Amino acid sequence: MTEKRTLNTIDTPSLILDIKKVNTNIKRLKDHLSPLNVSFRPHLKTSKCIEVARMMMSSPSGPATVSTLKEAEQFAAGGVTDILYAVGIAPGKYQRLATLARNGTGITVVLDSVAQARDLAAYCTASECEFGVLIEIDCDGHRSGVKPLDSSTLTAIARELAGTPAKLKGVMTHAGASYSESSSQALIECAEQERKAVAGAADILNEAGYPCEIVSAGSTPTAHFARDLTGVTEIRAGVFAFFDLVMAGIGVCQPEDIALSVLTTVIGHQKEKNWILVDAGWMAMSRDKGTSKQKVDQGYGVVCDIHGHIYEDLLMVDANQEHGILSLRSSKGTLPDLPVGTRLRILPNHACATAAQHPHYEVTEGEDLSVIHQWQRFYGW
């Protein structure tokens, strides 16, 4: 008889996923988007797991967003047939994406220059392979994309693609600057800026005779704070299903909403330093300290008991490769009594980075300590 697996018996450190919170987080965003008359194309880069993907997508076949070729291949193997590869396309990526397309997966790629469009169009023509294409729009100066009112570049890209198997489907944008905000009003304004930028670019192309079937926008913050999505056809978001401390710092969620944590065990104490040592270091948590630029710095993560209840002001303040150092946010106060062997959970700063340290999820439900599934993740590019 197989022994029942619980958070008291599995090895530490382990990556824990609370499926109850995942479902609640997904429902929250979908309920918000429903009256705004847009479709939803979830980003699967955080989970890298087919079981989680199926929870997020509107059907087993998609639609979906990915950010690596490995994600595209793995999710296509899992039955996803409508995939947006949302990273600027380069020639070295063509062949792997073409293999997917020839095997029946609908692939859409992203570009933001005439040179990229010309090169992709030539490849698709020569290889008789069809890709969908979205022109990336820079809505906030955060990263890449064509300026939303740059009609000459937009139409020049469209002309390069016209009549080729690299079919222009529309435009997309990502409000990366929203991750630096921390108030509801600022996030509402980011969402409106994002909408106006991408819808305005689509209007330019439509008026020039290049119809935009897809007008795609989104980030987890703006998806939650959008109030009007006129002109947008679809929204993308990814970390919303798990959330993390960065999202909590922005104001998109509460720490209690975070579905992902790392299970760890107390392995020692340094009482004169007010430290508790655990067996989850930066190899388990990642080096990400994304909250360090926010109003509240959460160190390497917030500490919870084994059930997920947060200890007030107890953080992972430092990390070595396999050692985590827990201490209080302030020098004032008394550490909780956590003897060697005590099991704890650490909420991550950045869910994508922490999940990437682990080969699978140990799936739980609510405060129940039973492990009900073990879901595999994948790695690489």
Protein backbone atom coordinates (compact mmCIF):
# COMPACT_ATOMS: atom_id res chain seq x y z
CA MET A 1 0.00 0.00 0.00
CA THR A 2 1.43 3.37 -1.04
CA GLU A 3 1.91 5.78 1.84
CA LYS A 4 -0.19 8.92 1.55
CA ARG A 5 1.95 11.88 0.54
CA THR A 6 1.53 15.06 2.60
CA LEU A 7 3.44 18.27 3.23
CA ASN A 8 4.73 16.59 6.39
CA THR A 9 6.32 13.70 4.48
CA ILE A 10 7.57 14.92 1.09
CA ASP A 11 11.13 16.06 0.59
CA THR A 12 12.09 19.68 1.14
CA PRO A 13 12.54 22.03 -0.53
CA SER A 14 9.52 21.39 -2.77
CA LEU A 15 7.35 23.60 -4.94
CA ILE A 16 3.78 23.71 -3.67
CA LEU A 17 0.77 24.74 -5.75
CA ASP A 18 -2.57 25.39 -4.07
CA ILE A 19 -5.11 24.43 -6.73
CA LYS A 20 -7.96 26.07 -4.81
CA LYS A 21 -6.22 29.45 -5.02
CA VAL A 22 -5.33 28.90 -8.68
CA ASN A 23 -8.99 28.34 -9.53
CA THR A 24 -10.06 31.38 -7.53
CA ASN A 25 -7.45 33.58 -9.23
CA ILE A 26 -8.42 32.40 -12.71
CA LYS A 27 -12.12 32.94 -12.04
CA ARG A 28 -11.46 36.43 -10.71
CA LEU A 29 -9.77 37.61 -13.90
CA LYS A 30 -12.20 35.88 -16.25
CA ASP A 31 -15.15 37.37 -14.38
CA HIS A 32 -13.58 40.82 -14.70
CA LEU A 33 -12.97 40.45 -18.44
CA SER A 34 -16.33 38.88 -19.29
CA PRO A 35 -18.39 42.11 -19.53
CA LEU A 36 -15.60 43.86 -21.46
CA ASN A 37 -16.27 41.79 -24.60
CA VAL A 38 -12.79 40.48 -25.27
CA SER A 39 -11.39 37.00 -25.67
CA PHE A 40 -8.65 35.76 -23.38
CA ARG A 41 -5.28 34.37 -24.47
CA PRO A 42 -3.46 33.33 -21.26
CA HIS A 43 0.31 33.41 -21.12
CA LEU A 44 1.66 30.00 -20.17
CA LYS A 45 5.27 31.02 -19.44
CA THR A 46 4.85 31.00 -15.65
CA SER A 47 3.36 27.53 -15.28
CA LYS A 48 5.19 25.61 -18.05
CA CYS A 49 2.75 22.80 -17.21
CA ILE A 50 0.00 21.34 -19.39
CA GLU A 51 -2.36 20.69 -16.47
CA VAL A 52 -2.22 24.31 -15.35
CA ALA A 53 -2.51 25.48 -18.97
CA ARG A 54 -5.77 23.58 -19.37
CA MET A 55 -7.14 25.34 -16.30
CA MET A 56 -6.25 28.74 -17.77
CA MET A 57 -7.30 28.32 -21.41
CA SER A 58 -10.85 28.54 -22.71
CA SER A 59 -10.47 25.16 -24.45
CA PRO A 60 -7.87 22.35 -24.55
CA SER A 61 -6.66 23.71 -27.89
CA GLY A 62 -6.11 27.28 -26.70
CA PRO A 63 -5.76 30.09 -27.43
CA ALA A 64 -2.43 30.50 -25.65
CA THR A 65 0.61 32.75 -25.42
CA VAL A 66 4.17 31.48 -24.98
CA SER A 67 7.58 33.10 -24.74
CA THR A 68 9.94 30.25 -25.69
CA LEU A 69 10.07 27.72 -28.50
CA LYS A 70 10.20 24.96 -25.88
CA GLU A 71 6.87 26.18 -24.52
CA ALA A 72 5.40 26.22 -28.02
CA GLU A 73 6.59 22.66 -28.68
CA GLN A 74 5.52 21.25 -25.32
CA PHE A 75 2.08 22.79 -25.37
CA ALA A 76 1.56 21.82 -29.01
CA ALA A 77 2.40 18.24 -28.02
CA GLY A 78 -0.28 18.59 -25.33
CA GLY A 79 -2.93 19.51 -27.91
CA VAL A 80 -2.71 23.32 -28.00
CA THR A 81 -3.20 24.41 -31.62
CA ASP A 82 -3.54 28.23 -31.37
CA ILE A 83 -0.25 29.67 -30.11
CA LEU A 84 1.12 33.20 -30.07
CA TYR A 85 4.91 33.27 -29.73
CA ALA A 86 5.13 36.68 -28.08
CA VAL A 87 8.85 37.39 -28.41
CA GLY A 88 10.36 39.21 -31.38
CA ILE A 89 11.01 36.75 -34.19
CA ALA A 90 14.53 36.06 -35.53
CA PRO A 91 15.69 33.76 -38.36
CA GLY A 92 17.11 31.14 -35.99
CA LYS A 93 13.58 30.49 -34.73
CA TYR A 94 11.90 29.92 -38.10
CA GLN A 95 12.58 26.24 -38.59
CA ARG A 96 11.27 24.99 -35.24
CA LEU A 97 8.13 27.11 -35.55
CA ALA A 98 7.65 25.94 -39.15
CA THR A 99 7.78 22.32 -37.99
CA LEU A 100 4.94 23.05 -35.59
CA ALA A 101 2.95 24.84 -38.27
CA ARG A 102 3.34 21.94 -40.73
CA ASN A 103 2.12 19.56 -38.04
CA GLY A 104 -1.12 21.49 -37.65
CA THR A 105 -0.39 24.08 -34.98
CA GLY A 106 -1.48 27.61 -35.78
CA ILE A 107 1.57 29.76 -35.04
CA THR A 108 1.47 33.55 -34.76
CA VAL A 109 4.71 35.50 -34.36
CA VAL A 110 5.60 39.05 -33.35
CA LEU A 111 7.85 41.60 -35.05
CA ASP A 112 8.44 45.35 -34.99
CA SER A 113 10.62 46.24 -37.99
CA VAL A 114 10.53 46.30 -41.76
CA ALA A 115 13.68 44.17 -41.90
CA GLN A 116 12.08 41.44 -39.78
CA ALA A 117 8.95 41.51 -41.94
CA ARG A 118 10.94 41.29 -45.17
CA ASP A 119 13.05 38.39 -43.93
CA LEU A 120 10.08 36.45 -42.54
CA ALA A 121 8.04 36.97 -45.70
CA ALA A 122 10.92 35.66 -47.82
CA TYR A 123 11.30 32.58 -45.62
CA CYS A 124 7.58 31.77 -45.62
CA THR A 125 7.39 32.18 -49.38
CA ALA A 126 10.44 30.02 -50.07
CA SER A 127 9.43 27.31 -47.61
CA GLU A 128 5.69 27.45 -48.36
CA CYS A 129 5.00 27.76 -44.66
CA GLU A 130 2.31 30.02 -43.22
CA PHE A 131 2.65 32.05 -40.02
CA GLY A 132 0.32 34.64 -38.59
CA VAL A 133 2.00 37.94 -37.75
CA LEU A 134 1.26 40.62 -35.17
CA ILE A 135 3.11 43.95 -35.20
CA GLU A 136 4.31 44.80 -31.71
CA ILE A 137 3.34 48.26 -30.47
CA ASP A 138 5.32 50.14 -27.82
CA CYS A 139 2.58 51.51 -25.56
CA ASP A 140 4.79 52.86 -22.77
CA GLY A 141 8.48 52.95 -23.72
CA HIS A 142 9.08 49.86 -21.64
CA ARG A 143 10.83 47.60 -24.10
CA SER A 144 10.25 46.91 -27.81
CA GLY A 145 7.72 47.78 -30.49
CA VAL A 146 6.66 50.38 -33.02
CA LYS A 147 5.40 53.70 -31.66
CA PRO A 148 1.59 53.60 -31.85
CA LEU A 149 1.25 56.61 -34.16
CA ASP A 150 4.20 55.75 -36.42
CA SER A 151 2.02 55.25 -39.48
CA SER A 152 4.93 55.07 -41.92
CA THR A 153 6.59 52.14 -40.13
CA LEU A 154 3.29 50.35 -39.51
CA THR A 155 2.23 50.53 -43.14
CA ALA A 156 5.72 49.71 -44.42
CA ILE A 157 5.72 46.50 -42.36
CA ALA A 158 2.25 45.66 -43.63
CA ARG A 159 3.37 46.15 -47.25
CA GLU A 160 6.28 43.72 -46.79
CA LEU A 161 3.87 41.04 -45.57
CA ALA A 162 1.06 41.65 -48.05
CA GLY A 163 0.43 38.75 -50.42
CA THR A 164 2.87 36.41 -48.66
CA PRO A 165 2.33 33.37 -46.40
CA ALA A 166 3.46 35.58 -43.51
CA LYS A 167 -0.04 36.88 -42.96
CA LEU A 168 -0.59 40.10 -41.05
CA LYS A 169 -3.29 39.39 -38.46
CA GLY A 170 -3.06 42.54 -36.40
CA VAL A 171 -1.20 44.23 -33.57
CA MET A 172 -0.21 43.51 -29.99
CA THR A 173 1.26 45.34 -27.01
CA HIS A 174 2.36 44.71 -23.44
CA ALA A 175 2.15 47.35 -20.71
CA GLY A 176 5.40 46.43 -18.98
CA ALA A 177 5.61 49.80 -17.25
CA SER A 178 2.54 48.83 -15.19
CA TYR A 179 4.84 46.67 -13.04
CA SER A 180 6.35 49.85 -11.61
CA GLU A 181 3.01 51.23 -10.37
CA SER A 182 1.38 50.74 -6.99
CA SER A 183 -1.99 52.51 -6.96
CA SER A 184 -5.33 51.55 -8.45
CA GLN A 185 -5.64 54.86 -10.29
CA ALA A 186 -2.19 54.51 -11.85
CA LEU A 187 -3.00 50.98 -13.02
CA ILE A 188 -6.31 52.11 -14.49
CA GLU A 189 -4.43 54.80 -16.39
CA CYS A 190 -1.83 52.27 -17.61
CA ALA A 191 -4.61 50.02 -18.88
CA GLU A 192 -6.23 52.90 -20.77
CA GLN A 193 -2.89 54.00 -22.23
CA GLU A 194 -2.29 50.42 -23.38
CA ARG A 195 -5.75 50.23 -24.96
CA LYS A 196 -5.45 53.55 -26.78
CA ALA A 197 -1.99 52.69 -28.13
CA VAL A 198 -2.87 49.33 -29.62
CA ALA A 199 -6.34 50.33 -30.83
CA GLY A 200 -4.89 53.48 -32.42
CA ALA A 201 -2.26 51.47 -34.28
CA ALA A 202 -4.97 49.11 -35.51
CA ASP A 203 -6.99 52.07 -36.77
CA ILE A 204 -4.00 53.29 -38.81
CA LEU A 205 -3.59 49.89 -40.45
CA ASN A 206 -7.31 49.46 -41.07
CA GLU A 207 -7.54 52.86 -42.73
CA ALA A 208 -4.54 51.97 -44.93
CA GLY A 209 -6.31 48.83 -46.13
CA TYR A 210 -4.66 46.29 -43.85
CA PRO A 211 -7.41 44.76 -41.68
CA CYS A 212 -6.53 43.87 -38.09
CA GLU A 213 -8.33 40.72 -37.05
CA ILE A 214 -6.45 40.64 -33.75
CA VAL A 215 -5.85 43.62 -31.45
CA SER A 216 -4.07 42.07 -28.50
CA ALA A 217 -3.12 43.75 -25.21
CA GLY A 218 -2.34 42.78 -21.71
CA SER A 219 -0.29 42.33 -18.61
CA THR A 220 -1.51 40.93 -15.31
CA PRO A 221 -1.85 44.42 -13.74
CA THR A 222 -3.64 46.08 -16.67
CA ALA A 223 -5.85 43.06 -17.33
CA HIS A 224 -7.23 43.40 -13.79
CA PHE A 225 -7.58 47.18 -13.88
CA ALA A 226 -8.90 47.75 -17.40
CA ARG A 227 -12.27 49.52 -17.35
CA ASP A 228 -12.80 49.95 -21.09
CA LEU A 229 -11.39 47.70 -23.83
CA THR A 230 -13.02 49.29 -26.85
CA GLY A 231 -11.02 48.40 -29.94
CA VAL A 232 -9.22 45.48 -28.28
CA THR A 233 -10.12 41.93 -29.31
CA GLU A 234 -8.11 39.89 -26.81
CA ILE A 235 -6.30 40.22 -23.49
CA ARG A 236 -3.20 38.35 -22.37
CA ALA A 237 -1.97 37.73 -18.82
CA GLY A 238 0.16 35.05 -17.20
CA VAL A 239 1.19 35.28 -13.56
CA PHE A 240 -2.42 36.04 -12.53
CA ALA A 241 -3.10 32.34 -11.93
CA PHE A 242 -0.37 32.06 -9.29
CA PHE A 243 0.31 35.67 -8.25
CA ASP A 244 3.42 36.56 -6.23
CA LEU A 245 4.78 39.21 -3.88
CA VAL A 246 5.59 41.60 -6.73
CA MET A 247 1.93 41.52 -7.79
CA ALA A 248 0.90 42.03 -4.18
CA GLY A 249 3.24 45.03 -3.96
CA ILE A 250 1.69 46.53 -7.08
CA GLY A 251 -1.75 46.10 -5.55
CA VAL A 252 -3.15 43.47 -7.91
CA CYS A 253 -3.61 40.87 -5.18
CA GLN A 254 -3.07 40.21 -1.49
CA PRO A 255 -0.26 37.94 -0.21
CA GLU A 256 -2.98 35.53 0.89
CA ASP A 257 -3.98 35.07 -2.77
CA ILE A 258 -0.57 33.67 -3.79
CA ALA A 259 -1.01 30.07 -4.91
CA LEU A 260 2.68 29.17 -5.19
CA SER A 261 5.07 28.56 -2.31
CA VAL A 262 8.22 26.64 -1.46
CA LEU A 263 8.03 24.09 1.31
CA THR A 264 11.12 24.16 3.52
CA THR A 265 12.40 22.71 6.79
CA VAL A 266 14.08 24.50 9.70
CA ILE A 267 17.66 23.18 9.94
CA GLY A 268 19.19 25.45 12.58
CA HIS A 269 19.29 28.69 14.54
CA GLN A 270 21.70 31.55 15.20
CA LYS A 271 20.03 33.07 18.22
CA GLU A 272 22.58 35.86 18.72
CA LYS A 273 21.85 37.02 15.15
CA ASN A 274 18.09 36.47 15.45
CA TRP A 275 18.24 34.00 12.56
CA ILE A 276 16.38 30.82 11.70
CA LEU A 277 18.07 28.65 9.05
CA VAL A 278 16.07 26.61 6.52
CA ASP A 279 16.97 24.22 3.70
CA ALA A 280 15.61 26.44 0.91
CA GLY A 281 18.26 28.81 -0.42
CA TRP A 282 18.48 30.68 -3.69
CA MET A 283 18.52 27.41 -5.62
CA ALA A 284 14.97 26.84 -4.39
CA MET A 285 13.70 30.43 -4.30
CA SER A 286 15.76 32.03 -7.13
CA ARG A 287 17.82 35.18 -6.73
CA ASP A 288 14.87 37.39 -7.66
CA LYS A 289 14.36 40.31 -5.27
CA GLY A 290 11.76 42.11 -7.33
CA THR A 291 10.13 43.69 -4.30
CA SER A 292 13.33 45.57 -3.39
CA LYS A 293 12.21 48.51 -5.55
CA GLN A 294 8.69 48.54 -4.12
CA LYS A 295 7.40 50.35 -1.06
CA VAL A 296 7.76 47.16 1.00
CA ASP A 297 10.85 45.02 0.47
CA GLN A 298 9.97 41.36 1.10
CA GLY A 299 13.55 40.07 0.99
CA TYR A 300 13.65 36.67 -0.70
CA GLY A 301 10.09 35.84 0.37
CA VAL A 302 7.45 35.92 3.08
CA VAL A 303 7.33 33.07 5.61
CA CYS A 304 4.18 31.05 6.33
CA ASP A 305 3.42 28.05 8.49
CA ILE A 306 2.86 24.69 6.83
CA HIS A 307 -0.81 25.52 6.21
CA GLY A 308 0.05 28.78 4.45
CA HIS A 309 -0.76 31.22 7.26
CA ILE A 310 1.61 34.18 7.11
CA TYR A 311 3.90 34.95 10.06
CA GLU A 312 3.80 38.69 10.58
CA ASP A 313 7.08 40.38 9.59
CA LEU A 314 9.01 37.10 9.20
CA LEU A 315 11.00 37.07 5.95
CA MET A 316 13.73 35.18 4.18
CA VAL A 317 16.20 38.03 4.53
CA ASP A 318 19.18 36.35 2.88
CA ALA A 319 20.03 33.21 0.98
CA ASN A 320 23.00 31.04 0.13
CA GLN A 321 22.84 28.24 -2.39
CA GLU A 322 21.07 25.75 -0.11
CA HIS A 323 20.55 27.81 3.06
CA GLY A 324 17.83 30.35 3.63
CA ILE A 325 18.10 32.84 6.48
CA LEU A 326 14.86 33.88 8.14
CA SER A 327 14.58 36.89 10.40
CA LEU A 328 12.20 39.65 11.36
CA ARG A 329 11.62 42.65 9.16
CA SER A 330 12.55 44.88 12.11
CA SER A 331 15.11 44.22 14.82
CA LYS A 332 12.33 44.74 17.33
CA GLY A 333 10.16 41.76 18.10
CA THR A 334 10.57 38.11 18.97
CA LEU A 335 11.07 35.30 16.50
CA PRO A 336 8.39 32.60 16.58
CA ASP A 337 9.43 29.36 18.25
CA LEU A 338 10.29 27.15 15.27
CA PRO A 339 12.39 24.13 16.35
CA VAL A 340 14.63 22.21 13.99
CA GLY A 341 12.40 20.03 11.81
CA THR A 342 9.54 22.54 11.63
CA ARG A 343 8.08 22.80 8.14
CA LEU A 344 7.35 26.21 6.67
CA ARG A 345 6.30 27.70 3.34
CA ILE A 346 7.91 30.69 1.61
CA LEU A 347 5.89 32.91 -0.73
CA PRO A 348 8.00 33.99 -3.73
CA ASN A 349 8.81 37.44 -5.04
CA HIS A 350 8.49 36.31 -8.65
CA ALA A 351 6.47 33.18 -9.38
CA CYS A 352 8.10 32.63 -12.79
CA ALA A 353 11.61 32.66 -11.38
CA THR A 354 10.86 30.49 -8.34
CA ALA A 355 8.88 27.91 -10.31
CA ALA A 356 11.76 27.68 -12.79
CA GLN A 357 13.95 26.23 -10.03
CA HIS A 358 11.81 23.07 -9.69
CA PRO A 359 10.95 20.06 -11.89
CA HIS A 360 7.35 19.64 -10.71
CA TYR A 361 4.52 20.99 -8.59
CA GLU A 362 3.28 19.23 -5.49
CA VAL A 363 -0.41 20.08 -5.75
CA THR A 364 -2.51 20.70 -2.66
CA GLU A 365 -5.99 22.11 -2.07
CA GLY A 366 -6.58 24.83 0.48
CA GLU A 367 -5.24 24.19 3.97
CA ASP A 368 -5.35 20.41 3.57
CA LEU A 369 -1.80 19.07 3.80
CA SER A 370 -2.47 16.15 1.44
CA VAL A 371 -0.59 16.15 -1.87
CA ILE A 372 -3.26 15.30 -4.43
CA HIS A 373 -1.18 15.48 -7.62
CA GLN A 374 2.37 15.84 -8.83
CA TRP A 375 2.41 17.89 -12.06
CA GLN A 376 5.52 18.03 -14.19
CA ARG A 377 7.06 21.27 -15.39
CA PHE A 378 9.53 21.61 -18.26
CA TYR A 379 12.69 23.61 -18.74
CA GLY A 380 14.69 25.21 -21.49
CA TRP A 381 14.24 27.22 -24.63
